[in-house]
N, C-alpha and C. Protein backbone atom coordinates (compact mmCIF):
# COMPACT_ATOMS: atom_id res chain seq x y z
N UNK A 1 1.04 -1.27 -0.05
CA UNK A 1 0.01 0.14 -0.07
C UNK A 1 1.05 1.27 -0.31
N UNK A 2 0.47 2.43 -0.78
CA UNK A 2 1.08 3.36 -0.66
C UNK A 2 0.44 4.79 -0.22
N UNK A 3 0.68 5.62 0.40
CA UNK A 3 0.23 6.56 0.84
C UNK A 3 0.62 8.18 0.07
N UNK A 4 -0.30 9.10 0.44
CA UNK A 4 0.02 10.43 -0.14
C UNK A 4 -0.27 11.51 1.06
N UNK A 5 0.18 12.41 0.46
CA UNK A 5 0.20 13.84 1.01
C UNK A 5 -0.77 14.38 0.24
N UNK A 6 -1.75 14.94 1.24
CA UNK A 6 -2.45 15.91 0.04
C UNK A 6 -2.85 17.14 0.53
N UNK A 7 -3.03 18.33 0.08
CA UNK A 7 -3.66 19.45 0.33
C UNK A 7 -4.58 20.11 -0.86
N UNK A 8 -5.75 20.55 -0.12
CA UNK A 8 -6.76 21.71 -1.35
C UNK A 8 -6.73 22.81 -0.27
N UNK A 9 -6.81 23.80 -1.22
CA UNK A 9 -6.91 25.04 -0.70
C UNK A 9 -7.08 26.24 -1.67
N UNK A 10 -7.54 27.29 -1.48
CA UNK A 10 -7.59 28.29 -2.58
C UNK A 10 -6.84 29.64 -2.41
N UNK A 11 -6.57 30.18 -3.66
CA UNK A 11 -5.77 31.16 -4.00
C UNK A 11 -6.24 32.46 -4.44
N UNK A 12 -6.56 33.75 -3.93
CA UNK A 12 -6.94 34.58 -4.45
C UNK A 12 -6.23 35.39 -5.67
N UNK A 13 -6.23 34.72 -6.65
CA UNK A 13 -5.39 34.95 -8.07
C UNK A 13 -5.84 34.06 -8.99
N UNK A 14 -5.44 34.48 -10.17
CA UNK A 14 -5.71 33.79 -11.28
C UNK A 14 -5.02 32.39 -12.12
N UNK A 15 -5.48 31.61 -12.10
CA UNK A 15 -4.71 30.42 -12.45
C UNK A 15 -3.77 30.59 -13.17
N UNK A 16 -3.64 31.56 -14.28
CA UNK A 16 -2.65 31.87 -14.97
C UNK A 16 -0.81 32.16 -13.88
N UNK A 17 -1.76 33.18 -13.05
CA UNK A 17 -0.41 33.37 -11.84
C UNK A 17 -0.03 32.43 -11.02
N UNK A 18 -0.64 31.69 -10.73
CA UNK A 18 -0.55 30.31 -9.83
C UNK A 18 0.38 29.45 -10.61
N UNK A 19 0.24 29.42 -11.84
CA UNK A 19 0.65 28.36 -12.98
C UNK A 19 2.12 28.87 -13.19
N UNK A 20 2.39 30.39 -13.06
CA UNK A 20 3.57 30.52 -13.18
C UNK A 20 4.55 30.64 -12.04
N UNK A 21 3.81 30.39 -10.91
CA UNK A 21 4.71 30.25 -9.69
C UNK A 21 5.06 28.91 -9.65
N UNK A 22 4.31 28.03 -10.14
CA UNK A 22 4.81 26.46 -10.05
C UNK A 22 5.37 26.18 -11.33
N UNK A 23 5.74 26.85 -12.44
CA UNK A 23 6.38 26.38 -13.66
C UNK A 23 7.71 27.34 -13.78
N UNK A 24 7.82 28.46 -13.03
CA UNK A 24 9.06 29.02 -13.31
C UNK A 24 10.12 29.21 -12.00
N UNK A 25 11.54 29.25 -12.73
CA UNK A 25 12.31 28.91 -11.42
C UNK A 25 12.27 30.21 -10.72
N UNK A 26 11.84 31.79 -11.35
CA UNK A 26 11.80 32.80 -10.14
C UNK A 26 10.59 32.51 -9.44
N UNK A 27 9.18 31.94 -9.77
CA UNK A 27 7.98 31.41 -9.03
C UNK A 27 8.38 30.70 -7.68
N UNK A 28 9.05 29.54 -8.37
CA UNK A 28 9.40 28.44 -7.12
C UNK A 28 10.43 28.87 -6.12
N UNK A 29 11.35 29.80 -6.84
CA UNK A 29 12.19 30.45 -5.60
C UNK A 29 11.62 31.25 -4.72
N UNK A 30 10.43 31.80 -4.98
CA UNK A 30 9.67 32.44 -4.06
C UNK A 30 9.02 32.00 -3.19
N UNK A 31 8.69 30.39 -3.47
CA UNK A 31 7.78 30.03 -2.19
C UNK A 31 8.14 28.97 -1.62
N UNK A 32 9.25 27.99 -2.39
CA UNK A 32 9.37 26.99 -2.16
C UNK A 32 10.90 27.02 -1.58
N UNK A 33 12.22 27.07 -2.17
CA UNK A 33 13.52 27.36 -1.93
C UNK A 33 14.01 28.10 -2.77
N UNK A 34 14.75 29.30 -2.18
CA UNK A 34 15.54 30.00 -2.82
C UNK A 34 16.77 29.74 -3.73
N UNK A 35 16.72 28.37 -3.29
CA UNK A 35 18.00 27.52 -3.99
C UNK A 35 17.57 26.69 -5.28
N UNK A 36 16.76 27.02 -6.10
CA UNK A 36 15.90 26.58 -6.91
C UNK A 36 16.71 26.99 -8.20
N UNK A 37 17.24 25.86 -9.19
CA UNK A 37 17.80 25.90 -10.39
C UNK A 37 17.54 25.09 -11.46
N UNK A 38 17.64 25.02 -12.59
CA UNK A 38 17.50 24.21 -13.71
C UNK A 38 16.52 24.52 -14.66
N UNK A 39 15.92 23.84 -15.15
CA UNK A 39 14.60 24.06 -16.34
C UNK A 39 13.40 23.71 -16.07
N UNK A 40 12.84 24.10 -16.45
CA UNK A 40 11.31 24.07 -15.82
C UNK A 40 10.47 23.57 -17.13
N UNK A 41 11.13 23.26 -18.13
CA UNK A 41 10.51 22.84 -19.77
C UNK A 41 10.12 21.48 -19.36
N UNK A 42 9.29 20.72 -19.90
CA UNK A 42 8.49 19.49 -19.79
C UNK A 42 9.82 18.54 -20.17
N UNK A 43 9.99 17.47 -19.47
CA UNK A 43 11.00 16.41 -19.47
C UNK A 43 12.32 16.86 -19.15
N UNK A 44 12.52 18.07 -18.62
CA UNK A 44 13.72 18.95 -18.06
C UNK A 44 13.74 18.41 -16.52
N UNK A 45 14.74 18.91 -15.74
CA UNK A 45 14.58 18.69 -14.28
C UNK A 45 15.08 19.89 -13.57
N UNK A 46 14.37 20.09 -12.42
CA UNK A 46 14.84 21.36 -11.45
C UNK A 46 15.23 20.84 -10.25
N UNK A 47 16.20 21.44 -9.87
CA UNK A 47 16.97 20.92 -8.42
C UNK A 47 16.69 22.09 -7.43
N UNK A 48 15.99 21.03 -6.61
CA UNK A 48 15.86 21.65 -5.09
C UNK A 48 16.80 22.02 -3.99
N UNK A 49 17.25 22.84 -3.73
CA UNK A 49 18.47 22.57 -2.31
C UNK A 49 17.86 23.25 -1.34
N UNK A 50 18.29 23.06 0.09
CA UNK A 50 17.73 23.85 1.12
C UNK A 50 19.19 24.27 2.13
N UNK A 51 19.93 25.27 1.72
CA UNK A 51 20.89 25.27 2.85
C UNK A 51 22.22 24.72 2.59
N UNK A 52 22.62 23.77 3.19
CA UNK A 52 23.73 22.77 2.55
C UNK A 52 23.24 21.35 2.50
N UNK A 53 22.04 21.12 2.27
CA UNK A 53 21.52 20.00 2.47
C UNK A 53 20.98 20.02 0.60
N UNK A 54 21.63 18.88 0.10
CA UNK A 54 21.17 18.58 -1.34
C UNK A 54 19.23 18.04 -1.19
N UNK A 55 18.77 18.79 -1.84
CA UNK A 55 17.14 18.45 -2.06
C UNK A 55 17.06 17.60 -3.58
N UNK A 56 16.03 17.54 -3.41
CA UNK A 56 14.92 16.53 -4.72
C UNK A 56 15.43 17.44 -5.97
N UNK A 57 15.58 16.36 -7.03
CA UNK A 57 15.49 16.71 -8.66
C UNK A 57 14.45 16.37 -9.11
N UNK A 58 13.65 17.18 -9.48
CA UNK A 58 12.73 16.70 -10.39
C UNK A 58 12.38 16.58 -11.79
N UNK A 59 11.98 15.52 -12.35
CA UNK A 59 11.78 15.64 -13.73
C UNK A 59 10.54 16.36 -14.05
N UNK A 60 10.10 17.29 -14.93
CA UNK A 60 8.63 17.83 -15.35
C UNK A 60 8.12 16.80 -16.13
N UNK A 61 7.09 16.23 -15.64
CA UNK A 61 6.57 15.05 -16.86
C UNK A 61 5.33 15.54 -17.43
N UNK A 62 4.24 16.83 -16.72
CA UNK A 62 3.20 17.14 -17.29
C UNK A 62 3.08 18.74 -17.35
N UNK A 63 2.87 19.29 -18.00
CA UNK A 63 2.32 20.64 -18.17
C UNK A 63 1.28 20.96 -18.98
N UNK A 64 0.34 21.09 -18.18
CA UNK A 64 -0.88 21.76 -19.15
C UNK A 64 -1.37 23.32 -18.83
N UNK A 65 -1.04 24.10 -19.29
CA UNK A 65 -1.04 25.56 -19.07
C UNK A 65 -2.61 26.02 -18.27
N UNK A 66 -1.68 26.28 -17.24
CA UNK A 66 -3.08 26.74 -15.88
C UNK A 66 -4.24 25.83 -15.64
N UNK A 67 -3.64 24.33 -15.86
CA UNK A 67 -4.65 23.31 -15.21
C UNK A 67 -3.78 22.30 -14.30
N UNK A 68 -2.62 21.74 -14.78
CA UNK A 68 -2.01 20.97 -14.24
C UNK A 68 -0.46 20.63 -14.40
N UNK A 69 0.31 20.36 -13.18
CA UNK A 69 1.99 20.07 -13.77
C UNK A 69 1.80 18.57 -12.81
N UNK A 70 3.12 18.05 -13.10
CA UNK A 70 3.17 16.84 -12.64
C UNK A 70 5.09 16.65 -12.78
N UNK A 71 5.40 16.53 -11.50
CA UNK A 71 7.03 15.98 -11.25
C UNK A 71 7.20 14.32 -10.86
N UNK A 72 7.95 14.08 -11.52
CA UNK A 72 8.80 12.91 -10.79
C UNK A 72 9.99 12.96 -10.14
N UNK A 73 10.14 12.65 -9.17
CA UNK A 73 11.66 12.79 -8.25
C UNK A 73 12.35 11.70 -8.90
N UNK A 74 13.61 12.31 -9.53
CA UNK A 74 14.67 11.32 -10.19
C UNK A 74 15.84 11.37 -9.10
N UNK A 75 16.18 11.98 -8.30
CA UNK A 75 17.28 12.05 -7.42
C UNK A 75 17.05 12.37 -5.99
N UNK A 76 17.17 12.07 -4.87
CA UNK A 76 16.90 12.20 -3.57
C UNK A 76 17.88 11.85 -2.78
N UNK A 77 18.24 12.32 -1.53
CA UNK A 77 18.93 11.90 -0.54
C UNK A 77 18.21 11.18 0.59
N UNK A 78 16.90 11.66 0.14
CA UNK A 78 15.87 11.46 1.34
C UNK A 78 14.74 10.58 1.21
N UNK A 79 14.97 9.73 -0.13
CA UNK A 79 13.71 8.48 0.06
C UNK A 79 12.89 8.90 -1.08
N UNK A 80 12.90 9.92 -2.02
CA UNK A 80 11.68 10.84 -2.46
C UNK A 80 11.61 9.91 -4.24
N UNK A 81 12.87 9.24 -4.68
CA UNK A 81 12.94 8.44 -5.55
C UNK A 81 11.59 8.21 -6.36
N UNK A 82 10.86 8.44 -7.37
CA UNK A 82 9.88 7.70 -7.60
C UNK A 82 8.90 8.36 -6.99
N UNK A 83 8.48 9.23 -5.92
CA UNK A 83 7.59 10.00 -5.81
C UNK A 83 7.07 10.98 -7.00
N UNK A 84 5.75 10.96 -6.92
CA UNK A 84 5.10 11.98 -7.86
C UNK A 84 4.39 12.83 -7.16
N UNK A 85 4.58 14.27 -7.67
CA UNK A 85 4.30 15.34 -7.06
C UNK A 85 3.15 16.15 -8.17
N UNK A 86 1.92 16.38 -7.64
CA UNK A 86 0.91 16.76 -8.90
C UNK A 86 -0.03 18.15 -8.25
N UNK A 87 0.30 19.02 -8.91
CA UNK A 87 -0.63 20.31 -8.87
C UNK A 87 -1.48 20.33 -9.59
N UNK A 88 -2.83 20.79 -9.19
CA UNK A 88 -4.15 20.89 -10.48
C UNK A 88 -4.85 21.77 -9.82
N UNK A 89 -5.26 22.57 -10.62
CA UNK A 89 -5.53 24.11 -10.63
C UNK A 89 -6.80 24.01 -11.24
N UNK A 90 -7.92 24.61 -10.56
CA UNK A 90 -9.11 25.04 -11.31
C UNK A 90 -10.00 26.40 -10.72
N UNK A 91 -11.20 26.78 -11.58
CA UNK A 91 -11.57 27.78 -10.84
C UNK A 91 -12.80 27.83 -9.94
N UNK A 92 -12.62 27.98 -8.82
CA UNK A 92 -13.90 27.48 -7.84
C UNK A 92 -14.20 29.37 -7.01
N UNK A 93 -15.16 29.59 -7.27
CA UNK A 93 -16.15 30.45 -6.21
C UNK A 93 -15.23 31.93 -6.59
N UNK A 94 -14.57 32.27 -7.73
CA UNK A 94 -13.71 33.32 -8.21
C UNK A 94 -12.23 33.52 -7.62
N UNK A 95 -11.88 32.38 -7.11
CA UNK A 95 -10.48 32.00 -6.94
C UNK A 95 -9.96 30.68 -7.70
N UNK A 96 -8.74 30.56 -7.48
CA UNK A 96 -8.00 29.25 -7.97
C UNK A 96 -7.86 28.32 -7.08
N UNK A 97 -8.29 27.29 -7.33
CA UNK A 97 -8.44 26.16 -6.35
C UNK A 97 -7.16 25.41 -6.44
N UNK A 98 -6.21 24.89 -5.81
CA UNK A 98 -4.93 24.31 -5.91
C UNK A 98 -5.37 22.97 -5.19
N UNK A 99 -5.15 21.83 -5.89
CA UNK A 99 -5.30 20.14 -5.25
C UNK A 99 -3.64 20.05 -5.55
N UNK A 100 -2.95 19.74 -4.44
CA UNK A 100 -2.05 19.34 -4.32
C UNK A 100 -1.59 17.82 -3.94
N UNK A 101 -0.92 16.90 -4.31
CA UNK A 101 -0.28 15.68 -3.46
C UNK A 101 1.13 15.09 -4.17
N UNK A 102 1.54 14.33 -3.50
CA UNK A 102 2.98 14.02 -3.06
C UNK A 102 2.66 12.68 -2.61
N UNK A 103 2.83 11.67 -4.14
CA UNK A 103 2.21 10.42 -4.13
C UNK A 103 3.67 9.31 -3.59
N UNK A 104 3.63 8.07 -3.12
CA UNK A 104 4.77 7.42 -3.42
C UNK A 104 5.18 6.95 -2.12
N UNK A 105 4.85 7.34 -0.98
CA UNK A 105 4.75 6.74 0.27
C UNK A 105 4.63 5.60 0.74
N UNK A 106 5.60 4.89 1.36
CA UNK A 106 5.77 3.46 2.00
C UNK A 106 5.08 3.46 3.55
N UNK A 107 5.38 4.24 3.94
CA UNK A 107 4.84 4.05 5.39
C UNK A 107 4.47 5.44 5.67
N UNK A 108 3.33 5.75 6.82
CA UNK A 108 3.21 6.60 7.80
C UNK A 108 3.80 7.00 8.86
N UNK A 109 5.34 7.56 8.79
CA UNK A 109 6.21 7.57 9.67
C UNK A 109 6.50 8.79 10.03
N UNK A 110 7.65 9.04 11.02
CA UNK A 110 7.91 10.36 11.18
C UNK A 110 8.16 11.29 10.06
N UNK A 111 9.12 10.90 9.02
CA UNK A 111 9.65 11.72 7.99
C UNK A 111 8.21 12.01 7.03
N UNK A 112 7.22 11.01 6.98
CA UNK A 112 6.06 11.54 6.04
C UNK A 112 5.32 12.57 7.19
N UNK A 113 5.21 12.27 8.35
CA UNK A 113 4.75 13.85 9.27
C UNK A 113 5.03 14.88 8.96
N UNK A 114 6.54 14.82 8.86
CA UNK A 114 7.51 16.26 8.63
C UNK A 114 7.20 16.83 7.52
N UNK A 115 7.18 15.73 6.21
CA UNK A 115 6.94 16.30 5.14
C UNK A 115 5.74 16.68 5.03
N UNK A 116 4.35 16.00 5.50
CA UNK A 116 3.10 16.89 5.14
C UNK A 116 2.93 17.77 6.13
N UNK A 117 3.53 18.12 6.99
CA UNK A 117 3.61 19.78 7.92
C UNK A 117 4.31 20.72 7.32
N UNK A 118 5.41 20.38 6.22
CA UNK A 118 6.18 21.12 5.79
C UNK A 118 5.62 21.63 4.28
N UNK A 119 4.74 20.30 3.54
CA UNK A 119 3.88 20.74 2.68
C UNK A 119 2.94 22.02 2.97
N UNK A 120 2.43 21.43 3.88
CA UNK A 120 1.43 22.80 4.35
C UNK A 120 1.71 24.01 4.58
N UNK A 121 3.23 24.20 4.85
CA UNK A 121 3.60 25.76 5.35
C UNK A 121 4.04 26.35 3.71
N UNK A 122 4.32 25.12 2.93
CA UNK A 122 4.90 25.80 1.49
C UNK A 122 3.60 25.91 0.61
N UNK A 123 2.49 25.22 1.21
CA UNK A 123 1.37 25.42 -0.05
C UNK A 123 0.89 26.92 0.55
N UNK A 124 1.30 27.53 2.16
CA UNK A 124 0.28 28.75 2.59
C UNK A 124 1.62 29.35 1.79
N UNK A 125 2.84 29.42 1.83
CA UNK A 125 3.70 30.34 1.21
C UNK A 125 3.46 30.65 -0.40
N UNK A 126 3.27 29.68 -1.12
CA UNK A 126 2.57 29.75 -2.41
C UNK A 126 1.27 30.29 -2.62
N UNK A 127 0.53 30.51 -1.46
CA UNK A 127 -0.91 31.39 -1.56
C UNK A 127 -0.41 32.61 -1.44
N UNK A 128 0.45 32.93 -0.16
CA UNK A 128 0.80 34.14 0.03
C UNK A 128 1.96 34.76 -1.20
N UNK A 129 2.52 34.27 -1.77
CA UNK A 129 3.32 34.60 -2.74
C UNK A 129 2.75 34.92 -4.10
N UNK A 130 1.54 34.33 -4.62
CA UNK A 130 0.50 34.57 -5.34
C UNK A 130 -0.42 35.92 -4.93
N UNK A 131 -0.67 35.76 -4.20
CA UNK A 131 -1.68 37.02 -3.41
C UNK A 131 -1.21 38.28 -3.00
N UNK A 132 0.20 38.38 -2.53
CA UNK A 132 0.93 39.33 -2.04
C UNK A 132 2.09 39.55 -2.95
N UNK A 133 2.67 38.83 -3.63
CA UNK A 133 3.85 38.98 -4.45
C UNK A 133 5.05 38.56 -2.96
N UNK A 134 4.84 38.19 -1.65
CA UNK A 134 6.13 37.80 -0.92
C UNK A 134 5.55 36.38 -0.59
N UNK A 135 6.49 35.29 -0.73
CA UNK A 135 6.14 34.26 0.10
C UNK A 135 7.24 33.80 0.97
N UNK A 136 7.56 32.97 1.75
CA UNK A 136 8.07 32.52 2.87
C UNK A 136 9.22 31.25 2.46
N UNK A 137 9.75 31.51 1.17
CA UNK A 137 10.68 29.97 0.80
C UNK A 137 11.77 29.93 2.06
N UNK A 138 12.18 28.42 1.53
CA UNK A 138 13.73 28.55 2.45
C UNK A 138 14.34 29.18 2.27
N UNK A 139 15.08 30.22 3.31
CA UNK A 139 16.30 30.56 2.59
C UNK A 139 16.34 32.24 2.49
N UNK A 140 14.87 32.77 2.53
CA UNK A 140 14.37 33.85 2.39
C UNK A 140 14.58 34.53 3.47
N UNK A 141 14.44 36.05 3.64
CA UNK A 141 14.49 36.57 4.80
C UNK A 141 13.34 36.55 5.36
N UNK A 142 12.18 36.28 4.86
CA UNK A 142 10.77 35.93 5.73
C UNK A 142 10.59 34.58 6.18
N UNK A 143 11.55 33.66 5.85
CA UNK A 143 11.52 32.29 6.24
C UNK A 143 11.39 32.08 7.91
N UNK A 144 10.42 31.29 8.38
CA UNK A 144 10.26 30.95 9.91
C UNK A 144 10.81 29.58 10.28
N UNK A 145 11.82 29.32 10.79
CA UNK A 145 12.68 28.23 11.13
C UNK A 145 11.78 27.53 11.64
């Protein structure tokens, strides 16, 4: 059996703005980690690092403008290889509804719990970035440890 981390929330911004936040190096650097590099085109890879910790490398599998983004983790020192990350966007009540999932967990252990909590924080950072232009990416001035 595999487990997933899932978050559903709304952003008071249009889908194009949210899509750009999850499909550009600038956008990703403003809500997840300032140490984001690579290429966000389909089939390309993006590297996410966190201070001195080497983070995951994601391959961009699906890009459906203003609707869907899917990554597969292709390198990770923390066991995420093969995990699938999906962002689904749609319009709901005048806002952009985001359905995020991180699939591929074998256990609901402490690391799963830590990642679930962290993803919640980063999803709020994504919302703040899209709504105000200021997120709380890891390593940024506003990041809270």
